[in-house]
Amino acid sequence: MTFQLLSSSSLLSSSIPTLGSHLPPPNSLHFLQPSRPNPRLLRSPWKGGTLRPAQTKISITCLAAERGGAARWASWIPRRVSPEKILRLISGATSSPICQFIESPHTFLHSIDPRIKLVWLLVLVVLPARSHIYMRFGLVLYLSILSIWILPTHIWMDQLRRVALLSGILFIMLGFGSDGVPPLVQLRTPPASVSGLSCLPSSLAGYSYTIMKLGPLQFTRKGLSVASTSACLTFTIFQSASLCLTTTTPEQLASAFRWFMVPLTFIGVPVAEIILTLLLSLRFINLVFDEFRNVALGIVARRIQWHQLTTMETFDVCFMYVHRIFKNIFSHAEQISKAMVARGFRGNSNTHKIYLFSDSSLGIGDFLSLLCLLGLIGATILSEQLLI
């Protein structure tokens, strides 16, 4: 006869694995796993009977989401970027005048001769690459103060923020990327104790090639030099060109370029065609930005429900946006060509007289500007010799 002595106390004292110590909620699902032997719950052999394992039940609880509520993992998925936000950014980026002449307020920079402005532009492009680091940051500070003084508030705030952001990104990337990863090499030069030479004394000034470390990357003096040169050169080129275009009319710039390029006519360079192309390009820049802004504002004003569109429908709207921009630009170009033909232009820039309406007289402000330019060049040369 086989006796099975399984008391209730032994079942209660056994360890039953569960996924939670609390009772499952009413909207949970329960799955009963088939019984399996538990070797710890065996009968004692001296009391007789057959050894038989106890039967355990494992409860697996799966909590379901409430009706009408989103699952928790849905909050982890990032929201997609709405095309309407991109269009608003485009319309906001082109809202301020970019490369356009600003007539008011009239400042002293409007009265400077455009030929002197072109010389300043050339010098400001060359100086950041050939000057000391203090002079580079000094040029950036000088252009920033000049922009705040000359341009209206909403224009210089928008321009300086964007140019400073671009220059800052370049400074960080080149600072840690040009010489950021240390080389995994071993010096082949024997130490001073082996070669019999005296040890070189350490620098008293506390010189260190590595300025800062950020994990596996390091910011060295070479990285500082490369990053400061690139960032300051980028800021200088963009902001100086913006100041020149906002305080000088396209006709004045074309006249200044023609004055510098007149000697090239003796070697067969088509100066007249180049100047006409430059003049049309300067007059056409603001039309391009206006079309980008107007078409973007037209799409935003229609209040398109982007979340209800499929992917192909969204791409279709984007392609229509680009197509509309090019269509309007070509339409403006055709109108300009018709206007030139109506005024007697037949394709020969040498025979057609172009009136640029520019005054080439030099005043006191022009001579002061040249003196400041010479002083800046002299300070740059002295900084290379005095500052180490």
Protein backbone atom coordinates (compact mmCIF):
# COMPACT_ATOMS: atom_id res chain seq x y z
CA MET A 1 0.00 0.00 0.00
CA THR A 2 1.24 3.34 -0.95
CA PHE A 3 0.78 6.23 1.41
CA GLN A 4 1.12 9.81 0.34
CA LEU A 5 1.67 12.12 3.26
CA LEU A 6 1.48 15.61 1.93
CA SER A 7 0.35 17.99 4.57
CA SER A 8 -0.97 21.46 3.94
CA SER A 9 1.76 22.93 6.09
CA SER A 10 4.46 21.51 3.81
CA LEU A 11 2.81 23.04 0.76
CA LEU A 12 2.55 26.43 2.43
CA SER A 13 6.17 26.32 3.56
CA SER A 14 7.44 25.53 0.05
CA SER A 15 8.85 28.34 -2.08
CA ILE A 16 6.52 28.96 -4.98
CA PRO A 17 8.10 31.27 -7.60
CA THR A 18 5.84 34.07 -8.74
CA LEU A 19 6.37 37.29 -10.68
CA GLY A 20 4.90 39.49 -7.98
CA SER A 21 4.13 39.29 -4.32
CA HIS A 22 0.84 41.15 -4.68
CA LEU A 23 -2.41 39.99 -6.13
CA PRO A 24 -2.84 40.65 -9.85
CA PRO A 25 -5.34 43.27 -10.91
CA PRO A 26 -8.68 42.20 -12.33
CA ASN A 27 -7.70 43.01 -15.94
CA SER A 28 -4.63 40.69 -15.93
CA LEU A 29 -4.20 37.40 -17.76
CA HIS A 30 -3.13 34.22 -15.89
CA PHE A 31 -1.33 31.29 -17.49
CA LEU A 32 -0.89 28.10 -15.48
CA GLN A 33 2.34 26.29 -16.21
CA PRO A 34 2.21 22.47 -16.17
CA SER A 35 3.32 20.86 -12.92
CA ARG A 36 6.91 19.73 -12.56
CA PRO A 37 8.66 17.85 -9.75
CA ASN A 38 10.21 19.70 -6.89
CA PRO A 39 13.11 17.66 -5.46
CA ARG A 40 12.98 19.46 -2.13
CA LEU A 41 9.50 18.18 -1.23
CA LEU A 42 10.15 14.39 -0.93
CA ARG A 43 8.81 11.94 1.60
CA SER A 44 11.08 10.62 4.31
CA PRO A 45 12.34 7.12 3.40
CA TRP A 46 12.00 5.64 6.97
CA LYS A 47 8.25 6.20 7.09
CA GLY A 48 7.54 3.95 4.16
CA GLY A 49 5.72 4.59 0.95
CA THR A 50 6.72 5.72 -2.51
CA LEU A 51 8.75 8.87 -2.95
CA ARG A 52 6.67 11.27 -5.03
CA PRO A 53 7.41 14.95 -5.70
CA ALA A 54 4.98 17.61 -4.70
CA GLN A 55 2.97 19.52 -7.28
CA THR A 56 3.50 23.27 -7.59
CA LYS A 57 1.63 25.88 -9.58
CA ILE A 58 3.39 28.88 -11.15
CA SER A 59 1.28 31.95 -11.89
CA ILE A 60 2.45 34.25 -14.69
CA THR A 61 0.77 37.63 -14.63
CA CYS A 62 0.55 39.83 -17.71
CA LEU A 63 -0.75 43.30 -17.04
CA ALA A 64 -2.77 44.78 -19.87
CA ALA A 65 -3.20 48.44 -20.61
CA GLU A 66 -6.38 50.16 -19.67
CA ARG A 67 -9.00 50.66 -22.28
CA GLY A 68 -8.53 53.92 -24.15
CA GLY A 69 -5.04 54.45 -22.68
CA ALA A 70 -1.69 54.23 -24.42
CA ALA A 71 0.90 51.68 -23.46
CA ARG A 72 3.96 52.79 -21.57
CA TRP A 73 6.32 52.00 -24.42
CA ALA A 74 4.46 54.41 -26.65
CA SER A 75 5.85 57.34 -24.65
CA TRP A 76 9.40 56.18 -25.42
CA ILE A 77 8.97 56.64 -29.17
CA PRO A 78 10.20 60.12 -30.20
CA ARG A 79 7.73 62.31 -31.98
CA ARG A 80 8.51 62.83 -35.63
CA VAL A 81 9.51 66.25 -36.86
CA SER A 82 6.54 68.01 -38.40
CA PRO A 83 7.05 69.51 -41.88
CA GLU A 84 5.14 72.56 -40.68
CA LYS A 85 7.90 73.29 -38.15
CA ILE A 86 10.52 73.04 -40.90
CA LEU A 87 8.56 75.45 -43.09
CA ARG A 88 8.19 77.88 -40.19
CA LEU A 89 11.95 77.72 -39.63
CA ILE A 90 12.56 78.44 -43.32
CA SER A 91 10.20 81.41 -43.30
CA GLY A 92 11.77 82.71 -40.08
CA ALA A 93 15.36 82.26 -41.31
CA THR A 94 14.70 84.28 -44.46
CA SER A 95 12.61 86.95 -42.77
CA SER A 96 15.57 89.21 -41.99
CA PRO A 97 17.38 90.83 -44.95
CA ILE A 98 20.30 88.66 -46.05
CA CYS A 99 22.81 90.22 -48.46
CA GLN A 100 20.42 93.11 -49.10
CA PHE A 101 21.07 96.81 -49.02
CA ILE A 102 19.56 98.55 -45.97
CA GLU A 103 19.02 102.23 -46.67
CA SER A 104 18.05 103.35 -43.17
CA PRO A 105 19.42 104.14 -40.70
CA HIS A 106 22.13 105.92 -42.66
CA THR A 107 25.50 105.48 -40.92
CA PHE A 108 29.09 106.46 -41.63
CA LEU A 109 29.69 103.06 -43.24
CA HIS A 110 27.20 103.94 -45.99
CA SER A 111 29.35 106.91 -47.01
CA ILE A 112 32.65 104.98 -47.25
CA ASP A 113 33.90 104.45 -50.80
CA PRO A 114 33.09 100.92 -52.04
CA ARG A 115 36.67 100.42 -53.26
CA ILE A 116 37.94 100.88 -49.71
CA LYS A 117 35.32 98.41 -48.50
CA LEU A 118 36.61 95.81 -50.95
CA VAL A 119 40.16 96.36 -49.71
CA TRP A 120 38.93 95.89 -46.14
CA LEU A 121 37.21 92.65 -47.17
CA LEU A 122 40.41 91.31 -48.71
CA VAL A 123 42.47 92.19 -45.63
CA LEU A 124 39.93 90.66 -43.24
CA VAL A 125 40.06 87.40 -45.20
CA VAL A 126 43.87 87.19 -45.01
CA LEU A 127 44.52 88.46 -41.47
CA PRO A 128 42.87 85.68 -39.37
CA ALA A 129 45.06 83.04 -41.01
CA ARG A 130 48.30 85.03 -40.53
CA SER A 131 47.81 86.72 -37.14
CA HIS A 132 48.15 85.79 -33.49
CA ILE A 133 45.27 84.19 -31.63
CA TYR A 134 44.66 87.40 -29.68
CA MET A 135 44.33 89.33 -32.95
CA ARG A 136 41.86 86.74 -34.31
CA PHE A 137 39.51 87.07 -31.38
CA GLY A 138 40.05 90.85 -31.46
CA LEU A 139 38.82 90.93 -35.08
CA VAL A 140 35.75 88.91 -34.11
CA LEU A 141 35.01 91.32 -31.26
CA TYR A 142 35.56 94.33 -33.52
CA LEU A 143 33.15 93.02 -36.19
CA SER A 144 30.56 92.18 -33.54
CA ILE A 145 30.66 95.70 -32.06
CA LEU A 146 30.53 97.23 -35.55
CA SER A 147 27.51 95.11 -36.48
CA ILE A 148 25.67 96.13 -33.31
CA TRP A 149 26.45 99.76 -34.05
CA ILE A 150 25.57 99.78 -37.76
CA LEU A 151 22.72 97.31 -38.23
CA PRO A 152 19.20 97.48 -36.75
CA THR A 153 18.52 95.44 -33.64
CA HIS A 154 16.45 92.62 -35.14
CA ILE A 155 18.97 92.16 -37.96
CA TRP A 156 22.23 92.03 -36.01
CA MET A 157 20.72 89.76 -33.35
CA ASP A 158 19.61 87.28 -35.99
CA GLN A 159 22.88 87.40 -37.96
CA LEU A 160 25.24 87.24 -34.99
CA ARG A 161 23.34 84.34 -33.44
CA ARG A 162 23.53 82.21 -36.56
CA VAL A 163 27.14 83.03 -37.42
CA ALA A 164 28.25 82.53 -33.81
CA LEU A 165 26.50 79.15 -33.69
CA LEU A 166 28.25 78.00 -36.88
CA SER A 167 31.64 79.25 -35.67
CA GLY A 168 31.16 77.61 -32.26
CA ILE A 169 30.37 74.24 -33.82
CA LEU A 170 33.49 74.49 -36.00
CA PHE A 171 35.62 75.47 -32.98
CA ILE A 172 34.49 72.47 -30.90
CA MET A 173 34.76 69.94 -33.74
CA LEU A 174 38.20 71.08 -34.91
CA GLY A 175 39.50 71.63 -31.38
CA PHE A 176 38.86 68.04 -30.34
CA GLY A 177 39.23 66.49 -33.78
CA SER A 178 42.44 67.91 -35.24
CA ASP A 179 44.75 66.58 -32.50
CA GLY A 180 42.23 65.06 -30.09
CA VAL A 181 43.12 61.35 -30.22
CA PRO A 182 46.59 60.64 -28.77
CA PRO A 183 48.82 58.52 -31.05
CA LEU A 184 49.37 54.94 -29.92
CA VAL A 185 53.13 54.96 -30.50
CA GLN A 186 56.15 54.40 -28.31
CA LEU A 187 59.12 56.72 -28.26
CA ARG A 188 62.29 55.17 -29.67
CA THR A 189 64.59 57.70 -28.04
CA PRO A 190 66.39 56.11 -25.07
CA PRO A 191 66.05 57.85 -21.71
CA ALA A 192 68.71 60.27 -20.50
CA SER A 193 70.02 57.79 -17.90
CA VAL A 194 70.85 55.22 -20.57
CA SER A 195 72.47 57.61 -23.05
CA GLY A 196 74.54 59.29 -20.36
CA LEU A 197 73.09 62.75 -20.89
CA SER A 198 71.87 65.01 -18.16
CA CYS A 199 68.10 65.28 -17.70
CA LEU A 200 66.54 68.42 -19.09
CA PRO A 201 65.01 70.63 -16.40
CA SER A 202 61.26 71.03 -16.43
CA SER A 203 59.74 74.30 -17.60
CA LEU A 204 59.38 76.89 -14.87
CA ALA A 205 56.41 78.52 -16.59
CA GLY A 206 54.27 75.42 -16.34
CA TYR A 207 53.99 74.79 -20.08
CA SER A 208 51.62 71.98 -21.05
CA TYR A 209 50.83 70.81 -24.57
CA THR A 210 47.51 69.31 -23.49
CA ILE A 211 45.02 71.95 -22.38
CA MET A 212 41.98 69.81 -21.52
CA LYS A 213 40.91 66.18 -21.68
CA LEU A 214 37.40 64.92 -22.32
CA GLY A 215 37.33 61.14 -22.07
CA PRO A 216 39.43 59.68 -24.88
CA LEU A 217 39.69 63.10 -26.56
CA GLN A 218 42.09 65.86 -25.68
CA PHE A 219 42.20 69.57 -26.45
CA THR A 220 45.79 70.50 -27.31
CA ARG A 221 47.56 73.67 -28.34
CA LYS A 222 47.60 72.54 -31.94
CA GLY A 223 43.85 71.95 -31.81
CA LEU A 224 43.38 75.41 -30.28
CA SER A 225 45.36 77.03 -33.09
CA VAL A 226 43.49 75.19 -35.86
CA ALA A 227 40.06 75.68 -34.26
CA SER A 228 40.57 79.39 -33.55
CA THR A 229 41.83 80.03 -37.08
CA SER A 230 38.91 78.25 -38.77
CA ALA A 231 36.21 79.63 -36.46
CA CYS A 232 37.48 83.23 -36.58
CA LEU A 233 37.97 83.05 -40.35
CA THR A 234 34.40 81.77 -40.82
CA PHE A 235 32.96 84.49 -38.59
CA THR A 236 35.04 87.19 -40.25
CA ILE A 237 34.13 86.21 -43.82
CA PHE A 238 30.39 85.93 -43.20
CA GLN A 239 29.97 89.01 -41.03
CA SER A 240 32.26 91.33 -43.02
CA ALA A 241 30.53 90.36 -46.27
CA SER A 242 27.16 90.96 -44.64
CA LEU A 243 28.23 94.41 -43.45
CA CYS A 244 29.52 95.30 -46.91
CA LEU A 245 26.36 94.17 -48.71
CA THR A 246 23.97 95.82 -46.27
CA THR A 247 25.70 99.22 -46.51
CA THR A 248 26.55 99.24 -50.23
CA THR A 249 24.25 99.20 -53.24
CA PRO A 250 24.82 96.61 -56.00
CA GLU A 251 25.66 99.41 -58.46
CA GLN A 252 28.40 100.73 -56.19
CA LEU A 253 29.92 97.28 -55.75
CA ALA A 254 29.86 96.66 -59.50
CA SER A 255 31.52 100.03 -60.11
CA ALA A 256 34.26 99.25 -57.56
CA PHE A 257 34.93 95.86 -59.14
CA ARG A 258 35.12 97.43 -62.59
CA TRP A 259 37.64 100.01 -61.30
CA PHE A 260 39.92 97.21 -60.06
CA MET A 261 39.47 95.03 -63.18
CA VAL A 262 40.03 97.70 -65.84
CA PRO A 263 43.73 96.72 -66.34
CA LEU A 264 42.61 93.18 -67.22
CA THR A 265 40.98 94.43 -70.41
CA PHE A 266 44.44 94.74 -71.99
CA ILE A 267 44.91 90.96 -71.80
CA GLY A 268 41.52 90.13 -73.28
CA VAL A 269 39.44 89.56 -70.12
CA PRO A 270 35.69 90.31 -70.74
CA VAL A 271 35.38 92.77 -67.88
CA ALA A 272 32.07 94.22 -69.08
CA GLU A 273 30.36 90.81 -69.16
CA ILE A 274 31.72 89.91 -65.73
CA ILE A 275 30.49 93.18 -64.22
CA LEU A 276 27.04 92.75 -65.79
CA THR A 277 26.78 89.19 -64.47
CA LEU A 278 27.85 90.36 -60.99
CA LEU A 279 25.29 93.18 -61.03
CA LEU A 280 22.45 90.85 -62.03
CA SER A 281 23.50 88.33 -59.36
CA LEU A 282 23.50 90.95 -56.61
CA ARG A 283 20.07 92.18 -57.68
CA PHE A 284 18.73 88.63 -57.89
CA ILE A 285 19.77 87.42 -54.40
CA ASN A 286 16.91 89.09 -52.55
CA LEU A 287 14.39 87.64 -55.03
CA VAL A 288 15.53 84.11 -54.18
CA PHE A 289 15.12 84.63 -50.43
CA ASP A 290 11.75 86.28 -50.97
CA GLU A 291 10.49 83.29 -52.96
CA PHE A 292 11.64 80.83 -50.28
CA ARG A 293 9.84 82.83 -47.60
CA ASN A 294 6.65 83.53 -49.56
CA VAL A 295 6.09 79.95 -50.72
CA ALA A 296 6.79 78.59 -47.21
CA LEU A 297 4.34 81.07 -45.68
CA GLY A 298 1.74 80.12 -48.30
CA ILE A 299 1.93 76.43 -47.34
CA VAL A 300 1.82 77.21 -43.60
CA ALA A 301 -1.21 79.48 -44.06
CA ARG A 302 -3.19 76.63 -45.62
CA ARG A 303 -3.07 74.71 -42.30
CA ILE A 304 -2.34 71.30 -43.80
CA GLN A 305 -3.07 68.40 -41.46
CA TRP A 306 0.32 66.72 -41.83
CA HIS A 307 -0.48 63.87 -39.44
CA GLN A 308 -3.30 62.75 -41.72
CA LEU A 309 -1.05 62.52 -44.80
CA THR A 310 0.86 59.46 -45.82
CA THR A 311 4.59 59.47 -46.50
CA MET A 312 4.15 59.74 -50.26
CA GLU A 313 1.67 62.60 -49.88
CA THR A 314 4.13 64.46 -47.65
CA PHE A 315 6.91 64.02 -50.22
CA ASP A 316 4.49 65.21 -52.90
CA VAL A 317 3.88 68.47 -51.02
CA CYS A 318 7.63 68.97 -50.54
CA PHE A 319 8.30 68.43 -54.25
CA MET A 320 5.53 70.89 -55.09
CA TYR A 321 7.21 73.42 -52.76
CA VAL A 322 10.56 73.08 -54.54
CA HIS A 323 8.90 73.12 -57.97
CA ARG A 324 6.99 76.30 -57.15
CA ILE A 325 10.17 78.05 -55.99
CA PHE A 326 12.06 77.26 -59.20
CA LYS A 327 9.05 78.20 -61.31
CA ASN A 328 8.82 81.63 -59.67
CA ILE A 329 12.57 82.20 -59.92
CA PHE A 330 12.61 81.39 -63.64
CA SER A 331 9.60 83.64 -64.10
CA HIS A 332 11.50 86.54 -62.48
CA ALA A 333 14.54 85.80 -64.65
CA GLU A 334 12.38 85.93 -67.77
CA GLN A 335 10.87 89.26 -66.71
CA ILE A 336 14.35 90.71 -66.14
CA SER A 337 15.53 89.54 -69.58
CA LYS A 338 12.47 91.08 -71.25
CA ALA A 339 13.10 94.35 -69.42
CA MET A 340 16.74 94.39 -70.61
CA VAL A 341 15.70 93.70 -74.21
CA ALA A 342 13.11 96.48 -74.02
CA ARG A 343 15.88 98.88 -72.95
CA GLY A 344 18.03 98.08 -75.98
CA PHE A 345 20.31 95.31 -74.74
CA ARG A 346 21.22 92.87 -77.53
CA GLY A 347 23.78 90.64 -75.79
CA ASN A 348 26.94 92.71 -76.33
CA SER A 349 28.08 94.25 -73.05
CA ASN A 350 30.80 96.34 -74.73
CA THR A 351 28.47 98.28 -77.01
CA HIS A 352 25.67 98.65 -74.46
CA LYS A 353 26.30 101.46 -71.99
CA ILE A 354 25.65 100.53 -68.34
CA TYR A 355 25.06 103.43 -65.96
CA LEU A 356 26.04 102.46 -62.41
CA PHE A 357 25.31 105.84 -60.77
CA SER A 358 28.33 105.77 -58.45
CA ASP A 359 30.31 108.69 -57.04
CA SER A 360 34.05 107.95 -56.92
CA SER A 361 35.13 110.97 -54.87
CA LEU A 362 37.11 110.33 -51.68
CA GLY A 363 36.31 112.15 -48.43
CA ILE A 364 37.73 112.48 -44.96
CA GLY A 365 36.02 109.30 -43.77
CA ASP A 366 37.71 107.33 -46.57
CA PHE A 367 41.18 108.52 -45.55
CA LEU A 368 40.47 107.74 -41.88
CA SER A 369 39.35 104.26 -42.91
CA LEU A 370 42.60 103.72 -44.82
CA LEU A 371 44.62 104.86 -41.78
CA CYS A 372 42.73 102.40 -39.57
CA LEU A 373 43.40 99.65 -42.08
CA LEU A 374 47.13 100.38 -42.11
CA GLY A 375 47.15 100.44 -38.29
CA LEU A 376 45.44 97.05 -38.18
CA ILE A 377 48.00 95.54 -40.57
CA GLY A 378 50.85 96.99 -38.50
CA ALA A 379 49.37 95.65 -35.26
CA THR A 380 49.09 92.22 -36.82
CA ILE A 381 52.73 92.22 -37.90
CA LEU A 382 53.89 93.38 -34.44
CA SER A 383 51.77 90.76 -32.69
CA GLU A 384 53.53 88.01 -34.62
CA GLN A 385 56.92 89.27 -33.45
CA LEU A 386 56.14 90.29 -29.86
CA LEU A 387 53.53 87.76 -28.76
CA ILE A 388 54.70 84.15 -28.56
